Amino acid sequence: MGLSPEDRRGRFPPSNKTSKEKKDTVRKHLDNMFDYVTHSEQNVEKELYTGSHLKVSKFYSSYLEWCTKQGIPKQDIAMKWLYRHILKTEYKSQFKPLEPDVSDDNV
């Protein structure tokens, strides 16, 4: 009776795994892009409210320009699908007009 060979699965990262550097460039861009970010005590995720005229394609174009200005290597620039995924999942973006700020003085 022989022994089975050692299990070699999981020893190397998958070749198609998205690098941390790509994800970080998207996060840095989105953090710099928005001035209006809300946080509540129960929900620590960022909620971004943008004008309805802004679309993901405009955000991505801005991201590409930002990467060029920052001198980010081409291999660390995210594809549009990854940019969209991070924007929609991590930042919970809401593409709708901002409501006017209502203060207590006008009540």
Protein backbone atom coordinates (compact mmCIF):
# COMPACT_ATOMS: atom_id res chain seq x y z
CA MET A 1 0.00 0.00 0.00
CA GLY A 2 1.44 3.30 -1.10
CA LEU A 3 0.86 6.79 0.19
CA SER A 4 -0.97 9.32 -1.92
CA PRO A 5 1.11 12.24 -3.18
CA GLU A 6 1.16 15.52 -1.30
CA ASP A 7 -1.73 17.85 -2.12
CA ARG A 8 -0.26 20.77 -4.06
CA ARG A 9 -3.46 22.79 -4.52
CA GLY A 10 -3.44 26.39 -3.32
CA ARG A 11 0.34 26.77 -3.28
CA PHE A 12 0.44 29.57 -5.83
CA PRO A 13 -1.90 32.51 -6.37
CA PRO A 14 -4.14 32.18 -9.42
CA SER A 15 -2.72 33.78 -12.53
CA ASN A 16 -5.95 35.67 -13.20
CA LYS A 17 -6.27 37.20 -9.72
CA THR A 18 -6.66 40.99 -9.70
CA SER A 19 -3.71 42.66 -8.01
CA LYS A 20 -4.08 44.73 -4.87
CA GLU A 21 -2.35 47.64 -6.63
CA LYS A 22 -5.10 47.86 -9.26
CA LYS A 23 -7.82 47.88 -6.63
CA ASP A 24 -5.96 50.47 -4.57
CA THR A 25 -5.65 52.88 -7.51
CA VAL A 26 -9.42 52.76 -7.98
CA ARG A 27 -10.05 53.33 -4.27
CA LYS A 28 -7.63 56.27 -4.13
CA HIS A 29 -9.30 57.87 -7.13
CA LEU A 30 -12.80 57.43 -5.72
CA ASP A 31 -11.74 58.75 -2.30
CA ASN A 32 -10.41 61.91 -3.99
CA MET A 33 -13.36 62.22 -6.36
CA PHE A 34 -16.18 62.80 -3.90
CA ASP A 35 -16.73 65.61 -1.47
CA TYR A 36 -20.09 64.40 -0.19
CA VAL A 37 -19.73 61.14 1.71
CA THR A 38 -22.17 60.15 4.42
CA HIS A 39 -21.46 57.90 7.36
CA SER A 40 -23.96 56.70 9.91
CA GLU A 41 -23.15 54.92 13.14
CA GLN A 42 -24.83 51.71 12.02
CA ASN A 43 -23.53 51.82 8.45
CA VAL A 44 -19.83 52.50 8.09
CA GLU A 45 -19.84 51.95 4.32
CA LYS A 46 -19.46 55.02 2.16
CA GLU A 47 -22.54 56.22 0.35
CA LEU A 48 -21.85 58.51 -2.58
CA TYR A 49 -24.53 60.71 -4.01
CA THR A 50 -23.72 62.15 -7.39
CA GLY A 51 -25.65 64.07 -9.94
CA SER A 52 -27.77 61.94 -12.25
CA HIS A 53 -25.80 63.33 -15.21
CA LEU A 54 -22.67 61.46 -14.07
CA LYS A 55 -22.26 57.92 -15.35
CA VAL A 56 -19.68 55.21 -14.75
CA SER A 57 -18.10 55.91 -18.14
CA LYS A 58 -17.40 59.52 -17.11
CA PHE A 59 -15.97 58.35 -13.80
CA TYR A 60 -13.74 55.87 -15.60
CA SER A 61 -12.52 58.51 -18.06
CA SER A 62 -11.64 60.72 -15.11
CA TYR A 63 -9.85 57.75 -13.51
CA LEU A 64 -7.73 57.20 -16.64
CA GLU A 65 -6.74 60.89 -16.72
CA TRP A 66 -5.93 60.77 -12.99
CA CYS A 67 -3.75 57.68 -13.45
CA THR A 68 -1.82 59.41 -16.24
CA LYS A 69 -1.22 62.50 -14.07
CA GLN A 70 -0.15 60.32 -11.13
CA GLY A 71 2.28 58.37 -13.30
CA ILE A 72 0.70 55.03 -12.43
CA PRO A 73 2.14 52.15 -14.51
CA LYS A 74 -0.17 50.73 -17.14
CA GLN A 75 -0.24 47.29 -15.49
CA ASP A 76 -1.67 48.89 -12.30
CA ILE A 77 -4.56 50.63 -14.07
CA ALA A 78 -7.87 48.83 -13.58
CA MET A 79 -10.16 47.81 -16.40
CA LYS A 80 -13.59 49.41 -16.63
CA TRP A 81 -15.39 46.32 -15.26
CA LEU A 82 -13.24 46.36 -12.11
CA TYR A 83 -13.74 50.11 -11.65
CA ARG A 84 -17.51 49.67 -11.96
CA HIS A 85 -17.48 46.71 -9.53
CA ILE A 86 -15.59 48.62 -6.83
CA LEU A 87 -17.72 51.74 -7.32
CA LYS A 88 -21.00 49.85 -7.02
CA THR A 89 -20.09 47.36 -4.27
CA GLU A 90 -17.64 49.11 -1.94
CA TYR A 91 -18.90 52.67 -2.31
CA LYS A 92 -22.63 52.01 -2.73
CA SER A 93 -22.88 54.79 -5.29
CA GLN A 94 -26.24 56.41 -5.82
CA PHE A 95 -26.56 58.13 -9.17
CA LYS A 96 -29.27 60.61 -8.29
CA PRO A 97 -29.45 64.35 -7.74
CA LEU A 98 -28.55 65.71 -4.34
CA GLU A 99 -31.46 66.94 -2.28
CA PRO A 100 -31.15 70.48 -1.00
CA ASP A 101 -29.83 70.80 2.55
CA VAL A 102 -32.74 71.66 4.84
CA SER A 103 -31.78 73.47 8.02
CA ASP A 104 -33.86 73.90 11.16
CA ASP A 105 -34.11 77.68 10.55
CA ASN A 106 -36.62 77.23 7.72
CA VAL A 107 -39.11 75.13 9.71
